Amino acid sequence: MQRTNFGGMACSIARTLDVIGEPWSPLILRDVWAGATRFEQIQADLGISRKVLTERLNHLVAHGVLERQPYDQRPRYEYVLTAKGAELVDLLIVMVGWGDKWLAGEAGPPVLYRHRACGEISRAELRCAHCGEPMHASDIDLLPGPGAG
């Protein structure tokens, strides 16, 4: 099945979806961030086919989100997040907050996140980079940017 190419759209959401919009990609990034860096580990955790996992890993490497690093003489590779990939994980942490609030049910969230700086269990919040105040969709005006089409 051919996938729509969103990369050429003058929209940062569309361009981001072009990189991680396929449903397996965020889960692969989550696994690599959590320490499952080898093909077999990711495949075992996700139950994904070898073919699909190979395609997704190649796509994420081609977009500079993951990097292959050899770990064996054969050669075999493990996958590590690049700086670009680490920032995408930040996006996933925001998604976690939404999922925990609206989809976790009575059992509660499946994973807790402890902030290393203060040691407390917490959640991510969006804040304005300029004033530090909380920032939600209802607090934002959309203006054309320099890359607008």
N, C-alpha and C. Protein backbone atom coordinates (compact mmCIF):
# COMPACT_ATOMS: atom_id res chain seq x y z
N MET A 1 0.84 -1.17 0.00
CA MET A 1 0.00 0.00 0.00
C MET A 1 0.90 1.25 0.00
N GLN A 2 0.64 2.15 -0.91
CA GLN A 2 1.42 3.39 -1.00
C GLN A 2 0.94 4.39 0.04
N ARG A 3 1.88 5.00 0.71
CA ARG A 3 1.59 5.98 1.73
C ARG A 3 1.63 7.38 1.15
N THR A 4 0.74 8.23 1.63
CA THR A 4 0.74 9.63 1.19
C THR A 4 2.00 10.31 1.70
N ASN A 5 2.64 11.11 0.85
CA ASN A 5 3.83 11.85 1.23
C ASN A 5 3.40 13.22 1.75
N PHE A 6 3.59 13.44 3.03
CA PHE A 6 3.23 14.71 3.66
C PHE A 6 4.42 15.67 3.74
N GLY A 7 5.62 15.19 3.40
CA GLY A 7 6.83 15.97 3.59
C GLY A 7 6.89 17.27 2.80
N GLY A 8 6.18 17.36 1.69
CA GLY A 8 6.21 18.56 0.87
C GLY A 8 5.20 19.61 1.26
N MET A 9 4.34 19.30 2.22
CA MET A 9 3.32 20.28 2.64
C MET A 9 3.95 21.39 3.47
N ALA A 10 3.41 22.58 3.35
CA ALA A 10 3.88 23.72 4.15
C ALA A 10 3.17 23.68 5.50
N CYS A 11 3.44 22.62 6.26
CA CYS A 11 2.81 22.40 7.57
C CYS A 11 3.76 21.55 8.40
N SER A 12 4.14 22.04 9.57
CA SER A 12 5.08 21.30 10.42
C SER A 12 4.47 20.01 10.96
N ILE A 13 3.17 19.98 11.19
CA ILE A 13 2.51 18.75 11.63
C ILE A 13 2.60 17.71 10.53
N ALA A 14 2.27 18.09 9.29
CA ALA A 14 2.33 17.16 8.16
C ALA A 14 3.75 16.64 7.96
N ARG A 15 4.73 17.51 8.05
CA ARG A 15 6.12 17.10 7.86
C ARG A 15 6.57 16.13 8.95
N THR A 16 6.11 16.37 10.18
CA THR A 16 6.44 15.45 11.28
C THR A 16 5.77 14.10 11.05
N LEU A 17 4.52 14.12 10.60
CA LEU A 17 3.82 12.87 10.30
C LEU A 17 4.50 12.09 9.19
N ASP A 18 5.14 12.79 8.26
CA ASP A 18 5.87 12.11 7.20
C ASP A 18 7.00 11.27 7.77
N VAL A 19 7.54 11.69 8.91
CA VAL A 19 8.64 10.96 9.55
C VAL A 19 8.11 9.89 10.50
N ILE A 20 7.13 10.22 11.34
CA ILE A 20 6.70 9.27 12.37
C ILE A 20 5.20 8.97 12.35
N GLY A 21 4.52 9.26 11.26
CA GLY A 21 3.07 9.08 11.21
C GLY A 21 2.61 7.66 11.05
N GLU A 22 3.47 6.78 10.62
CA GLU A 22 3.11 5.37 10.51
C GLU A 22 3.05 4.81 11.93
N PRO A 23 2.01 4.04 12.29
CA PRO A 23 1.80 3.67 13.71
C PRO A 23 2.95 2.95 14.41
N TRP A 24 3.78 2.20 13.70
CA TRP A 24 4.87 1.50 14.37
C TRP A 24 6.00 2.43 14.79
N SER A 25 6.20 3.52 14.07
CA SER A 25 7.37 4.38 14.31
C SER A 25 7.43 4.95 15.73
N PRO A 26 6.35 5.53 16.27
CA PRO A 26 6.45 6.02 17.65
C PRO A 26 6.74 4.90 18.66
N LEU A 27 6.22 3.72 18.40
CA LEU A 27 6.46 2.61 19.32
C LEU A 27 7.91 2.14 19.24
N ILE A 28 8.49 2.18 18.05
CA ILE A 28 9.91 1.84 17.90
C ILE A 28 10.76 2.88 18.63
N LEU A 29 10.43 4.16 18.46
CA LEU A 29 11.18 5.20 19.18
C LEU A 29 11.06 5.03 20.68
N ARG A 30 9.85 4.71 21.15
CA ARG A 30 9.66 4.47 22.59
C ARG A 30 10.56 3.34 23.06
N ASP A 31 10.61 2.24 22.31
CA ASP A 31 11.42 1.10 22.71
C ASP A 31 12.91 1.45 22.76
N VAL A 32 13.39 2.15 21.73
CA VAL A 32 14.81 2.53 21.71
C VAL A 32 15.12 3.45 22.88
N TRP A 33 14.25 4.41 23.15
CA TRP A 33 14.44 5.31 24.29
C TRP A 33 14.46 4.53 25.61
N ALA A 34 13.63 3.50 25.70
CA ALA A 34 13.53 2.72 26.94
C ALA A 34 14.66 1.69 27.08
N GLY A 35 15.51 1.57 26.05
CA GLY A 35 16.67 0.69 26.18
C GLY A 35 16.67 -0.54 25.29
N ALA A 36 15.61 -0.78 24.53
CA ALA A 36 15.60 -1.90 23.58
C ALA A 36 16.21 -1.39 22.29
N THR A 37 17.50 -1.58 22.11
CA THR A 37 18.21 -0.95 21.00
C THR A 37 18.56 -1.91 19.87
N ARG A 38 18.35 -3.19 20.09
CA ARG A 38 18.70 -4.18 19.06
C ARG A 38 17.45 -4.70 18.37
N PHE A 39 17.62 -5.04 17.11
CA PHE A 39 16.50 -5.47 16.26
C PHE A 39 15.66 -6.53 16.96
N GLU A 40 16.30 -7.57 17.48
CA GLU A 40 15.58 -8.68 18.10
C GLU A 40 14.79 -8.22 19.33
N GLN A 41 15.35 -7.30 20.11
CA GLN A 41 14.65 -6.79 21.28
C GLN A 41 13.39 -6.02 20.88
N ILE A 42 13.52 -5.17 19.88
CA ILE A 42 12.38 -4.37 19.43
C ILE A 42 11.31 -5.30 18.85
N GLN A 43 11.73 -6.24 18.03
CA GLN A 43 10.78 -7.17 17.42
C GLN A 43 10.05 -7.99 18.48
N ALA A 44 10.78 -8.49 19.47
CA ALA A 44 10.15 -9.28 20.53
C ALA A 44 9.15 -8.45 21.33
N ASP A 45 9.49 -7.21 21.63
CA ASP A 45 8.60 -6.38 22.43
C ASP A 45 7.34 -6.02 21.66
N LEU A 46 7.48 -5.67 20.39
CA LEU A 46 6.34 -5.19 19.62
C LEU A 46 5.56 -6.29 18.90
N GLY A 47 6.20 -7.44 18.66
CA GLY A 47 5.54 -8.48 17.89
C GLY A 47 5.35 -8.09 16.44
N ILE A 48 6.20 -7.23 15.95
CA ILE A 48 6.15 -6.71 14.59
C ILE A 48 6.89 -7.66 13.64
N SER A 49 6.47 -7.73 12.39
CA SER A 49 7.16 -8.60 11.43
C SER A 49 8.55 -8.05 11.15
N ARG A 50 9.47 -8.94 10.79
CA ARG A 50 10.83 -8.53 10.48
C ARG A 50 10.85 -7.54 9.31
N LYS A 51 10.03 -7.81 8.30
CA LYS A 51 9.98 -6.95 7.13
C LYS A 51 9.53 -5.53 7.49
N VAL A 52 8.45 -5.41 8.25
CA VAL A 52 7.94 -4.09 8.63
C VAL A 52 8.94 -3.38 9.54
N LEU A 53 9.52 -4.11 10.49
CA LEU A 53 10.49 -3.48 11.39
C LEU A 53 11.70 -2.98 10.60
N THR A 54 12.19 -3.78 9.67
CA THR A 54 13.32 -3.36 8.83
C THR A 54 12.98 -2.08 8.06
N GLU A 55 11.79 -2.05 7.46
CA GLU A 55 11.37 -0.85 6.72
C GLU A 55 11.28 0.38 7.63
N ARG A 56 10.70 0.23 8.80
CA ARG A 56 10.54 1.35 9.73
C ARG A 56 11.89 1.83 10.23
N LEU A 57 12.78 0.91 10.59
CA LEU A 57 14.10 1.30 11.07
C LEU A 57 14.87 2.03 9.98
N ASN A 58 14.82 1.51 8.75
CA ASN A 58 15.50 2.17 7.63
C ASN A 58 14.94 3.58 7.41
N HIS A 59 13.64 3.72 7.52
CA HIS A 59 12.99 5.03 7.35
C HIS A 59 13.46 6.00 8.44
N LEU A 60 13.47 5.55 9.68
CA LEU A 60 13.88 6.42 10.80
C LEU A 60 15.36 6.78 10.71
N VAL A 61 16.19 5.85 10.25
CA VAL A 61 17.61 6.15 10.05
C VAL A 61 17.77 7.15 8.90
N ALA A 62 17.05 6.95 7.80
CA ALA A 62 17.14 7.84 6.64
C ALA A 62 16.72 9.26 6.99
N HIS A 63 15.81 9.41 7.94
CA HIS A 63 15.36 10.74 8.35
C HIS A 63 16.18 11.31 9.51
N GLY A 64 17.24 10.62 9.91
CA GLY A 64 18.14 11.16 10.93
C GLY A 64 17.59 11.11 12.35
N VAL A 65 16.60 10.24 12.57
CA VAL A 65 15.98 10.12 13.89
C VAL A 65 16.70 9.05 14.72
N LEU A 66 17.11 7.99 14.06
CA LEU A 66 17.90 6.94 14.68
C LEU A 66 19.22 6.82 13.94
N GLU A 67 20.20 6.27 14.63
CA GLU A 67 21.50 6.01 14.05
C GLU A 67 21.85 4.55 14.31
N ARG A 68 22.42 3.89 13.30
CA ARG A 68 22.89 2.51 13.46
C ARG A 68 24.32 2.53 13.99
N GLN A 69 24.57 1.71 15.02
CA GLN A 69 25.93 1.57 15.54
C GLN A 69 26.27 0.09 15.60
N PRO A 70 27.41 -0.30 15.02
CA PRO A 70 27.78 -1.72 15.07
C PRO A 70 28.09 -2.17 16.50
N TYR A 71 27.69 -3.41 16.83
CA TYR A 71 28.02 -3.93 18.15
C TYR A 71 28.62 -5.33 18.08
N ASP A 72 28.81 -5.84 16.88
CA ASP A 72 29.32 -7.20 16.72
C ASP A 72 30.21 -7.24 15.48
N GLN A 73 31.00 -8.28 15.38
CA GLN A 73 31.90 -8.43 14.24
C GLN A 73 31.16 -8.82 12.95
N ARG A 74 29.91 -9.29 13.03
CA ARG A 74 29.24 -9.92 11.88
C ARG A 74 28.86 -9.03 10.73
N PRO A 75 28.59 -7.90 10.56
CA PRO A 75 28.27 -6.88 11.56
C PRO A 75 26.80 -6.94 11.95
N ARG A 76 26.55 -6.59 13.17
CA ARG A 76 25.19 -6.43 13.68
C ARG A 76 25.11 -5.02 14.25
N TYR A 77 23.91 -4.49 14.27
CA TYR A 77 23.76 -3.10 14.66
C TYR A 77 22.75 -2.94 15.79
N GLU A 78 22.98 -1.91 16.57
CA GLU A 78 21.97 -1.45 17.50
C GLU A 78 21.58 -0.05 17.07
N TYR A 79 20.45 0.39 17.55
CA TYR A 79 19.90 1.68 17.15
C TYR A 79 19.90 2.62 18.33
N VAL A 80 20.36 3.85 18.09
CA VAL A 80 20.38 4.86 19.13
C VAL A 80 19.67 6.11 18.61
N LEU A 81 19.08 6.83 19.53
CA LEU A 81 18.43 8.08 19.18
C LEU A 81 19.47 9.14 18.84
N THR A 82 19.23 9.89 17.79
CA THR A 82 20.02 11.08 17.51
C THR A 82 19.41 12.23 18.32
N ALA A 83 19.99 13.41 18.26
CA ALA A 83 19.39 14.57 18.92
C ALA A 83 17.99 14.83 18.35
N LYS A 84 17.86 14.67 17.06
CA LYS A 84 16.55 14.83 16.40
C LYS A 84 15.55 13.81 16.94
N GLY A 85 15.99 12.57 17.13
CA GLY A 85 15.13 11.53 17.67
C GLY A 85 14.76 11.76 19.12
N ALA A 86 15.71 12.26 19.91
CA ALA A 86 15.43 12.54 21.33
C ALA A 86 14.34 13.61 21.46
N GLU A 87 14.36 14.60 20.57
CA GLU A 87 13.30 15.61 20.60
C GLU A 87 11.96 15.02 20.20
N LEU A 88 11.94 14.03 19.33
CA LEU A 88 10.68 13.36 19.00
C LEU A 88 10.15 12.59 20.19
N VAL A 89 11.03 12.03 21.01
CA VAL A 89 10.59 11.35 22.22
C VAL A 89 9.91 12.35 23.16
N ASP A 90 10.39 13.58 23.19
CA ASP A 90 9.71 14.61 23.98
C ASP A 90 8.26 14.75 23.52
N LEU A 91 8.04 14.71 22.23
CA LEU A 91 6.68 14.76 21.68
C LEU A 91 5.86 13.56 22.17
N LEU A 92 6.48 12.39 22.20
CA LEU A 92 5.79 11.19 22.67
C LEU A 92 5.41 11.31 24.14
N ILE A 93 6.24 11.96 24.94
CA ILE A 93 5.94 12.15 26.36
C ILE A 93 4.68 13.01 26.51
N VAL A 94 4.50 13.99 25.65
CA VAL A 94 3.27 14.79 25.68
C VAL A 94 2.08 13.90 25.30
N MET A 95 2.26 13.01 24.32
CA MET A 95 1.20 12.08 23.94
C MET A 95 0.84 11.16 25.11
N VAL A 96 1.84 10.76 25.88
CA VAL A 96 1.60 9.93 27.06
C VAL A 96 0.63 10.62 28.01
N GLY A 97 0.84 11.91 28.24
CA GLY A 97 -0.04 12.66 29.14
C GLY A 97 -1.49 12.62 28.68
N TRP A 98 -1.71 12.77 27.40
CA TRP A 98 -3.07 12.72 26.85
C TRP A 98 -3.64 11.31 27.02
N GLY A 99 -2.85 10.31 26.66
CA GLY A 99 -3.32 8.93 26.79
C GLY A 99 -3.60 8.54 28.23
N ASP A 100 -2.75 8.98 29.15
CA ASP A 100 -2.98 8.69 30.57
C ASP A 100 -4.26 9.34 31.07
N LYS A 101 -4.54 10.56 30.61
CA LYS A 101 -5.72 11.28 31.07
C LYS A 101 -7.01 10.70 30.47
N TRP A 102 -7.01 10.40 29.19
CA TRP A 102 -8.24 10.06 28.50
C TRP A 102 -8.43 8.58 28.20
N LEU A 103 -7.38 7.77 28.27
CA LEU A 103 -7.50 6.38 27.84
C LEU A 103 -7.06 5.33 28.86
N ALA A 104 -6.47 5.74 29.98
CA ALA A 104 -5.91 4.77 30.92
C ALA A 104 -6.97 3.98 31.67
N GLY A 105 -8.16 4.54 31.83
CA GLY A 105 -9.22 3.84 32.53
C GLY A 105 -8.99 3.78 34.03
N GLU A 106 -9.77 2.96 34.68
CA GLU A 106 -9.70 2.86 36.14
C GLU A 106 -8.39 2.30 36.65
N ALA A 107 -7.73 1.48 35.83
CA ALA A 107 -6.46 0.88 36.25
C ALA A 107 -5.37 1.92 36.40
N GLY A 108 -5.50 3.04 35.70
CA GLY A 108 -4.49 4.10 35.76
C GLY A 108 -3.44 3.92 34.69
N PRO A 109 -2.48 4.82 34.66
CA PRO A 109 -1.45 4.77 33.61
C PRO A 109 -0.58 3.52 33.72
N PRO A 110 -0.18 2.97 32.57
CA PRO A 110 0.65 1.77 32.60
C PRO A 110 2.10 2.02 33.00
N VAL A 111 2.56 3.28 32.89
CA VAL A 111 3.94 3.63 33.22
C VAL A 111 3.93 4.95 33.97
N LEU A 112 4.78 5.07 34.98
CA LEU A 112 4.95 6.34 35.69
C LEU A 112 6.29 6.93 35.28
N TYR A 113 6.37 8.24 35.29
CA TYR A 113 7.58 8.94 34.86
C TYR A 113 8.11 9.78 36.01
N ARG A 114 9.35 9.44 36.44
CA ARG A 114 9.98 10.19 37.52
C ARG A 114 10.97 11.19 36.92
N HIS A 115 10.81 12.44 37.29
CA HIS A 115 11.69 13.51 36.82
C HIS A 115 13.01 13.40 37.58
N ARG A 116 14.10 13.16 36.89
CA ARG A 116 15.40 12.97 37.54
C ARG A 116 15.84 14.18 38.35
N ALA A 117 15.52 15.38 37.87
CA ALA A 117 16.01 16.59 38.56
C ALA A 117 15.44 16.74 39.96
N CYS A 118 14.16 16.37 40.16
CA CYS A 118 13.56 16.55 41.49
C CYS A 118 13.17 15.23 42.15
N GLY A 119 13.21 14.14 41.41
CA GLY A 119 12.89 12.84 41.96
C GLY A 119 11.41 12.54 42.09
N GLU A 120 10.55 13.43 41.63
CA GLU A 120 9.11 13.27 41.76
C GLU A 120 8.48 12.62 40.54
N ILE A 121 7.42 11.85 40.77
CA ILE A 121 6.60 11.33 39.67
C ILE A 121 5.83 12.52 39.10
N SER A 122 5.91 12.70 37.80
CA SER A 122 5.30 13.88 37.21
C SER A 122 4.79 13.58 35.81
N ARG A 123 4.36 14.62 35.12
CA ARG A 123 3.92 14.54 33.74
C ARG A 123 4.47 15.76 33.01
N ALA A 124 4.53 15.67 31.70
CA ALA A 124 5.01 16.80 30.90
C ALA A 124 3.89 17.82 30.75
N GLU A 125 4.27 19.08 30.73
CA GLU A 125 3.33 20.17 30.47
C GLU A 125 3.92 21.08 29.41
N LEU A 126 3.06 21.61 28.56
CA LEU A 126 3.51 22.59 27.58
C LEU A 126 3.58 23.96 28.23
N ARG A 127 4.68 24.63 28.03
CA ARG A 127 4.86 25.98 28.56
C ARG A 127 5.42 26.87 27.47
N CYS A 128 5.09 28.14 27.56
CA CYS A 128 5.61 29.12 26.62
C CYS A 128 7.12 29.27 26.82
N ALA A 129 7.87 29.18 25.74
CA ALA A 129 9.32 29.32 25.82
C ALA A 129 9.73 30.75 26.19
N HIS A 130 8.85 31.71 26.00
CA HIS A 130 9.18 33.10 26.30
C HIS A 130 8.88 33.48 27.76
N CYS A 131 7.64 33.20 28.22
CA CYS A 131 7.26 33.67 29.57
C CYS A 131 7.16 32.55 30.60
N GLY A 132 7.17 31.29 30.16
CA GLY A 132 7.10 30.17 31.09
C GLY A 132 5.70 29.79 31.54
N GLU A 133 4.70 30.51 31.10
CA GLU A 133 3.31 30.20 31.49
C GLU A 133 2.82 28.96 30.75
N PRO A 134 1.85 28.23 31.35
CA PRO A 134 1.26 27.09 30.63
C PRO A 134 0.71 27.53 29.27
N MET A 135 0.81 26.64 28.31
CA MET A 135 0.41 26.97 26.95
C MET A 135 -0.47 25.86 26.41
N HIS A 136 -1.71 26.19 26.09
CA HIS A 136 -2.67 25.24 25.54
C HIS A 136 -3.21 25.79 24.23
N ALA A 137 -3.86 24.94 23.46
CA ALA A 137 -4.38 25.36 22.15
C ALA A 137 -5.27 26.59 22.26
N SER A 138 -6.04 26.69 23.33
CA SER A 138 -6.95 27.83 23.48
C SER A 138 -6.22 29.13 23.80
N ASP A 139 -4.91 29.05 24.09
CA ASP A 139 -4.12 30.23 24.43
C ASP A 139 -3.28 30.75 23.25
N ILE A 140 -3.48 30.17 22.06
CA ILE A 140 -2.58 30.44 20.94
C ILE A 140 -3.34 31.06 19.78
N ASP A 141 -2.73 32.09 19.19
CA ASP A 141 -3.22 32.66 17.92
C ASP A 141 -2.29 32.15 16.82
N LEU A 142 -2.86 31.74 15.72
CA LEU A 142 -2.07 31.27 14.57
C LEU A 142 -1.78 32.44 13.64
N LEU A 143 -0.50 32.61 13.32
CA LEU A 143 -0.07 33.69 12.41
C LEU A 143 0.78 33.06 11.31
N PRO A 144 0.77 33.62 10.11
CA PRO A 144 1.61 33.05 9.05
C PRO A 144 3.09 33.22 9.39
N GLY A 145 3.86 32.17 9.14
CA GLY A 145 5.29 32.21 9.39
C GLY A 145 6.05 32.41 8.10
N PRO A 146 7.38 32.52 8.20
CA PRO A 146 8.18 32.78 7.01
C PRO A 146 8.12 31.65 5.98
N GLY A 147 7.81 30.42 6.43
CA GLY A 147 7.74 29.30 5.50
C GLY A 147 6.33 28.99 5.01
N ALA A 148 5.38 29.88 5.28
CA ALA A 148 3.99 29.64 4.87
C ALA A 148 3.91 29.60 3.35
N GLY A 149 3.05 28.73 2.86
CA GLY A 149 2.91 28.55 1.41
C GLY A 149 1.96 29.51 0.79
